[in-house]
């Protein structure tokens, strides 16, 4: 089996070392996923720019998308990281499990977002008409739809990187469901 390792600060370029320093200052750590991107000269900066772009969606809505996408793609790293971030955005443990299972009975608008996101991911962008209609009926618009797809794409990148490599998860491990 191929073994993938996460680089240390000293093993990455000067440009990536500066990004590591900013992450350390801002987050108090350099998550292993971000560190792994630094094996490539431009991937870490590019990924962070994508992840931190301005969005029509609230942070809580982006976490719904992150949790649903990571669950469908079976990425334990992202399930774990976004469980922590989901709690920071006000979700309870029970709500996070429910989101990962594919619903949000506690919020009808988020429920439409959960189902739309799942339909996008499961159908490779060909969401069902029912999920699209429910998304728009819940009050979302086409600008929001574009942002949902961008967040799904962002998360698929991370899901696939970790699913390919399996490097150590440096967050509390999310419960299996």
C-alpha atoms as a PDB file:
ATOM      1  CA  UNK A   1       0.000   0.000   0.000  1.00  0.00           C
ATOM      2  CA  UNK A   2       1.281   3.456  -0.921  1.00  0.00           C
ATOM      3  CA  UNK A   3       2.008   5.592   2.154  1.00  0.00           C
ATOM      4  CA  UNK A   4       1.361   9.330   1.899  1.00  0.00           C
ATOM      5  CA  UNK A   5       2.906  11.761   4.358  1.00  0.00           C
ATOM      6  CA  UNK A   6       2.064  15.304   5.313  1.00  0.00           C
ATOM      7  CA  UNK A   7       4.995  17.693   4.820  1.00  0.00           C
ATOM      8  CA  UNK A   8       6.383  19.800   7.642  1.00  0.00           C
ATOM      9  CA  UNK A   9       6.947  23.525   7.300  1.00  0.00           C
ATOM     10  CA  UNK A  10      10.639  22.918   6.521  1.00  0.00           C
ATOM     11  CA  UNK A  11       9.756  20.593   3.643  1.00  0.00           C
ATOM     12  CA  UNK A  12       7.698  23.097   1.638  1.00  0.00           C
ATOM     13  CA  UNK A  13       8.588  26.144  -0.473  1.00  0.00           C
ATOM     14  CA  UNK A  14       9.106  29.608   1.012  1.00  0.00           C
ATOM     15  CA  UNK A  15       5.775  30.721  -0.424  1.00  0.00           C
ATOM     16  CA  UNK A  16       3.996  27.806   1.249  1.00  0.00           C
ATOM     17  CA  UNK A  17       5.938  28.401   4.480  1.00  0.00           C
ATOM     18  CA  UNK A  18       4.458  31.916   4.579  1.00  0.00           C
ATOM     19  CA  UNK A  19       0.972  30.434   4.125  1.00  0.00           C
ATOM     20  CA  UNK A  20       1.707  27.920   6.903  1.00  0.00           C
ATOM     21  CA  UNK A  21       2.701  30.843   9.177  1.00  0.00           C
ATOM     22  CA  UNK A  22      -0.565  32.672   8.410  1.00  0.00           C
ATOM     23  CA  UNK A  23      -2.599  29.517   9.043  1.00  0.00           C
ATOM     24  CA  UNK A  24      -0.760  28.915  12.315  1.00  0.00           C
ATOM     25  CA  UNK A  25      -1.515  32.500  13.383  1.00  0.00           C
ATOM     26  CA  UNK A  26      -5.160  32.375  12.325  1.00  0.00           C
ATOM     27  CA  UNK A  27      -6.146  28.816  13.242  1.00  0.00           C
ATOM     28  CA  UNK A  28      -3.537  27.905  15.833  1.00  0.00           C
ATOM     29  CA  UNK A  29      -2.532  24.970  13.603  1.00  0.00           C
ATOM     30  CA  UNK A  30      -1.897  23.970  10.020  1.00  0.00           C
ATOM     31  CA  UNK A  31      -4.475  21.274   9.289  1.00  0.00           C
ATOM     32  CA  UNK A  32      -2.957  18.209   7.642  1.00  0.00           C
ATOM     33  CA  UNK A  33      -5.164  18.679   4.577  1.00  0.00           C
ATOM     34  CA  UNK A  34      -3.786  22.169   3.975  1.00  0.00           C
ATOM     35  CA  UNK A  35      -0.244  21.016   4.656  1.00  0.00           C
ATOM     36  CA  UNK A  36      -0.649  18.205   2.127  1.00  0.00           C
ATOM     37  CA  UNK A  37      -1.647  20.719  -0.574  1.00  0.00           C
ATOM     38  CA  UNK A  38       1.735  22.391   0.004  1.00  0.00           C
ATOM     39  CA  UNK A  39       3.469  19.453  -1.704  1.00  0.00           C
ATOM     40  CA  UNK A  40       2.431  21.355  -4.831  1.00  0.00           C
ATOM     41  CA  UNK A  41       3.844  24.861  -5.300  1.00  0.00           C
ATOM     42  CA  UNK A  42       0.515  26.594  -6.014  1.00  0.00           C
ATOM     43  CA  UNK A  43      -2.252  24.258  -4.808  1.00  0.00           C
ATOM     44  CA  UNK A  44      -2.448  25.493  -1.208  1.00  0.00           C
ATOM     45  CA  UNK A  45      -2.789  29.161  -2.143  1.00  0.00           C
ATOM     46  CA  UNK A  46      -5.208  28.339  -4.958  1.00  0.00           C
ATOM     47  CA  UNK A  47      -7.345  26.149  -2.714  1.00  0.00           C
ATOM     48  CA  UNK A  48      -7.485  28.732   0.078  1.00  0.00           C
ATOM     49  CA  UNK A  49      -8.471  31.431  -2.430  1.00  0.00           C
ATOM     50  CA  UNK A  50     -11.328  29.218  -3.649  1.00  0.00           C
ATOM     51  CA  UNK A  51     -12.406  28.326  -0.122  1.00  0.00           C
ATOM     52  CA  UNK A  52     -12.298  31.907   1.155  1.00  0.00           C
ATOM     53  CA  UNK A  53     -13.995  33.581  -1.804  1.00  0.00           C
ATOM     54  CA  UNK A  54     -16.961  35.866  -1.195  1.00  0.00           C
ATOM     55  CA  UNK A  55     -20.243  33.947  -1.329  1.00  0.00           C
ATOM     56  CA  UNK A  56     -23.975  34.605  -1.369  1.00  0.00           C
ATOM     57  CA  UNK A  57     -24.301  31.786   1.174  1.00  0.00           C
ATOM     58  CA  UNK A  58     -23.952  32.153   4.935  1.00  0.00           C
ATOM     59  CA  UNK A  59     -21.214  30.236   6.744  1.00  0.00           C
ATOM     60  CA  UNK A  60     -23.835  27.905   8.236  1.00  0.00           C
ATOM     61  CA  UNK A  61     -25.173  27.088   4.753  1.00  0.00           C
ATOM     62  CA  UNK A  62     -21.663  26.384   3.461  1.00  0.00           C
ATOM     63  CA  UNK A  63     -21.171  23.965   6.379  1.00  0.00           C
ATOM     64  CA  UNK A  64     -24.366  22.135   5.392  1.00  0.00           C
ATOM     65  CA  UNK A  65     -22.918  21.680   1.897  1.00  0.00           C
ATOM     66  CA  UNK A  66     -19.527  20.616   3.289  1.00  0.00           C
ATOM     67  CA  UNK A  67     -21.070  18.026   5.626  1.00  0.00           C
ATOM     68  CA  UNK A  68     -23.460  16.562   3.038  1.00  0.00           C
ATOM     69  CA  UNK A  69     -20.816  16.383   0.295  1.00  0.00           C
ATOM     70  CA  UNK A  70     -18.209  14.842   2.609  1.00  0.00           C
ATOM     71  CA  UNK A  71     -20.691  12.245   3.840  1.00  0.00           C
ATOM     72  CA  UNK A  72     -21.710  11.179   0.334  1.00  0.00           C
ATOM     73  CA  UNK A  73     -18.063  11.021  -0.764  1.00  0.00           C
ATOM     74  CA  UNK A  74     -17.060   9.050   2.336  1.00  0.00           C
ATOM     75  CA  UNK A  75     -14.306  11.436   3.405  1.00  0.00           C
ATOM     76  CA  UNK A  76     -13.615  10.855   7.098  1.00  0.00           C
ATOM     77  CA  UNK A  77     -11.167  13.775   7.255  1.00  0.00           C
ATOM     78  CA  UNK A  78     -13.704  16.304   5.992  1.00  0.00           C
ATOM     79  CA  UNK A  79     -16.562  14.778   8.006  1.00  0.00           C
ATOM     80  CA  UNK A  80     -14.398  15.263  11.109  1.00  0.00           C
ATOM     81  CA  UNK A  81     -13.157  18.771  10.265  1.00  0.00           C
ATOM     82  CA  UNK A  82     -16.627  20.001   9.336  1.00  0.00           C
ATOM     83  CA  UNK A  83     -18.199  18.486  12.439  1.00  0.00           C
ATOM     84  CA  UNK A  84     -15.910  20.790  14.439  1.00  0.00           C
ATOM     85  CA  UNK A  85     -16.580  23.767  12.141  1.00  0.00           C
ATOM     86  CA  UNK A  86     -20.313  23.008  12.095  1.00  0.00           C
ATOM     87  CA  UNK A  87     -20.375  23.243  15.907  1.00  0.00           C
ATOM     88  CA  UNK A  88     -18.477  26.544  15.685  1.00  0.00           C
ATOM     89  CA  UNK A  89     -21.291  27.746  13.400  1.00  0.00           C
ATOM     90  CA  UNK A  90     -24.007  26.834  15.893  1.00  0.00           C
ATOM     91  CA  UNK A  91     -25.081  23.311  14.929  1.00  0.00           C
ATOM     92  CA  UNK A  92     -25.567  20.733  17.696  1.00  0.00           C
ATOM     93  CA  UNK A  93     -24.076  17.237  17.519  1.00  0.00           C
ATOM     94  CA  UNK A  94     -27.553  15.870  16.762  1.00  0.00           C
ATOM     95  CA  UNK A  95     -28.126  18.385  13.955  1.00  0.00           C
ATOM     96  CA  UNK A  96     -24.753  17.557  12.391  1.00  0.00           C
ATOM     97  CA  UNK A  97     -25.620  13.841  12.363  1.00  0.00           C
ATOM     98  CA  UNK A  98     -29.005  14.635  10.836  1.00  0.00           C
ATOM     99  CA  UNK A  99     -27.370  16.799   8.146  1.00  0.00           C
ATOM    100  CA  UNK A 100     -24.902  14.030   7.329  1.00  0.00           C
ATOM    101  CA  UNK A 101     -27.839  11.598   7.056  1.00  0.00           C
ATOM    102  CA  UNK A 102     -29.501  13.871   4.501  1.00  0.00           C
ATOM    103  CA  UNK A 103     -32.083  16.076   6.194  1.00  0.00           C
ATOM    104  CA  UNK A 104     -32.565  19.122   8.427  1.00  0.00           C
ATOM    105  CA  UNK A 105     -35.949  18.710  10.127  1.00  0.00           C
ATOM    106  CA  UNK A 106     -35.007  21.617  12.409  1.00  0.00           C
ATOM    107  CA  UNK A 107     -34.948  24.152   9.512  1.00  0.00           C
ATOM    108  CA  UNK A 108     -37.047  23.862   6.317  1.00  0.00           C
ATOM    109  CA  UNK A 109     -34.757  26.132   4.265  1.00  0.00           C
ATOM    110  CA  UNK A 110     -31.655  24.164   5.260  1.00  0.00           C
ATOM    111  CA  UNK A 111     -33.544  20.937   4.568  1.00  0.00           C
ATOM    112  CA  UNK A 112     -34.067  22.066   0.966  1.00  0.00           C
ATOM    113  CA  UNK A 113     -30.338  22.905   0.779  1.00  0.00           C
ATOM    114  CA  UNK A 114     -29.371  19.484   2.171  1.00  0.00           C
ATOM    115  CA  UNK A 115     -31.512  17.645  -0.355  1.00  0.00           C
ATOM    116  CA  UNK A 116     -30.397  19.843  -3.268  1.00  0.00           C
ATOM    117  CA  UNK A 117     -26.729  19.366  -2.342  1.00  0.00           C
ATOM    118  CA  UNK A 118     -27.156  15.599  -2.016  1.00  0.00           C
ATOM    119  CA  UNK A 119     -28.891  15.458  -5.384  1.00  0.00           C
ATOM    120  CA  UNK A 120     -26.077  17.452  -7.014  1.00  0.00           C
ATOM    121  CA  UNK A 121     -23.347  15.225  -5.567  1.00  0.00           C
ATOM    122  CA  UNK A 122     -25.131  11.896  -6.084  1.00  0.00           C
ATOM    123  CA  UNK A 123     -26.128  12.748  -9.662  1.00  0.00           C
ATOM    124  CA  UNK A 124     -22.870  14.445 -10.705  1.00  0.00           C
ATOM    125  CA  UNK A 125     -24.488  17.824 -11.180  1.00  0.00           C
ATOM    126  CA  UNK A 126     -27.769  16.592 -12.589  1.00  0.00           C
ATOM    127  CA  UNK A 127     -29.908  17.400  -9.558  1.00  0.00           C
ATOM    128  CA  UNK A 128     -33.475  16.188  -9.677  1.00  0.00           C
ATOM    129  CA  UNK A 129     -36.165  18.651 -10.728  1.00  0.00           C
ATOM    130  CA  UNK A 130     -37.833  18.106  -7.337  1.00  0.00           C
ATOM    131  CA  UNK A 131     -34.694  19.090  -5.411  1.00  0.00           C
ATOM    132  CA  UNK A 132     -34.135  22.136  -7.637  1.00  0.00           C
ATOM    133  CA  UNK A 133     -37.721  23.293  -7.250  1.00  0.00           C
ATOM    134  CA  UNK A 134     -37.637  22.826  -3.465  1.00  0.00           C
ATOM    135  CA  UNK A 135     -34.347  24.780  -3.340  1.00  0.00           C
ATOM    136  CA  UNK A 136     -35.867  27.725  -5.202  1.00  0.00           C
ATOM    137  CA  UNK A 137     -39.172  27.450  -3.316  1.00  0.00           C
ATOM    138  CA  UNK A 138     -37.200  27.708  -0.043  1.00  0.00           C
ATOM    139  CA  UNK A 139     -36.020  31.167  -1.100  1.00  0.00           C
ATOM    140  CA  UNK A 140     -32.728  30.470  -2.823  1.00  0.00           C
ATOM    141  CA  UNK A 141     -31.925  31.988  -6.221  1.00  0.00           C
ATOM    142  CA  UNK A 142     -29.664  31.242  -9.179  1.00  0.00           C
ATOM    143  CA  UNK A 143     -26.717  33.140  -7.657  1.00  0.00           C
ATOM    144  CA  UNK A 144     -27.071  30.877  -4.602  1.00  0.00           C
ATOM    145  CA  UNK A 145     -27.205  27.819  -6.874  1.00  0.00           C
ATOM    146  CA  UNK A 146     -23.890  28.831  -8.452  1.00  0.00           C
ATOM    147  CA  UNK A 147     -22.349  29.201  -4.990  1.00  0.00           C
ATOM    148  CA  UNK A 148     -23.692  25.793  -3.920  1.00  0.00           C
ATOM    149  CA  UNK A 149     -21.942  24.200  -6.902  1.00  0.00           C
ATOM    150  CA  UNK A 150     -18.707  26.069  -6.136  1.00  0.00           C
ATOM    151  CA  UNK A 151     -18.767  24.876  -2.500  1.00  0.00           C
ATOM    152  CA  UNK A 152     -19.542  21.318  -3.651  1.00  0.00           C
ATOM    153  CA  UNK A 153     -16.570  21.535  -6.044  1.00  0.00           C
ATOM    154  CA  UNK A 154     -14.310  22.871  -3.295  1.00  0.00           C
ATOM    155  CA  UNK A 155     -15.319  20.016  -1.012  1.00  0.00           C
ATOM    156  CA  UNK A 156     -14.975  17.351  -3.697  1.00  0.00           C
ATOM    157  CA  UNK A 157     -11.362  18.468  -4.177  1.00  0.00           C
ATOM    158  CA  UNK A 158     -10.629  17.933  -0.472  1.00  0.00           C
ATOM    159  CA  UNK A 159     -12.663  14.725  -0.275  1.00  0.00           C
ATOM    160  CA  UNK A 160     -10.782  13.209  -3.196  1.00  0.00           C
ATOM    161  CA  UNK A 161      -7.351  14.285  -1.913  1.00  0.00           C
ATOM    162  CA  UNK A 162      -7.957  12.632   1.454  1.00  0.00           C
ATOM    163  CA  UNK A 163      -9.700   9.599  -0.029  1.00  0.00           C
ATOM    164  CA  UNK A 164      -6.647   9.066  -2.270  1.00  0.00           C
ATOM    165  CA  UNK A 165      -4.054   9.565   0.449  1.00  0.00           C
ATOM    166  CA  UNK A 166      -5.585   8.631   3.804  1.00  0.00           C
ATOM    167  CA  UNK A 167      -3.133  10.763   5.769  1.00  0.00           C
ATOM    168  CA  UNK A 168      -3.748  11.226   9.502  1.00  0.00           C
ATOM    169  CA  UNK A 169      -6.918  13.028  10.587  1.00  0.00           C
ATOM    170  CA  UNK A 170      -5.932  15.831  12.954  1.00  0.00           C
ATOM    171  CA  UNK A 171      -9.445  16.661  14.201  1.00  0.00           C
ATOM    172  CA  UNK A 172     -11.613  14.707  16.652  1.00  0.00           C
ATOM    173  CA  UNK A 173     -12.951  11.818  14.562  1.00  0.00           C
ATOM    174  CA  UNK A 174     -16.597  12.309  13.562  1.00  0.00           C
ATOM    175  CA  UNK A 175     -18.906   9.462  14.538  1.00  0.00           C
ATOM    176  CA  UNK A 176     -19.620   6.829  11.905  1.00  0.00           C
ATOM    177  CA  UNK A 177     -23.170   6.842  10.593  1.00  0.00           C
END
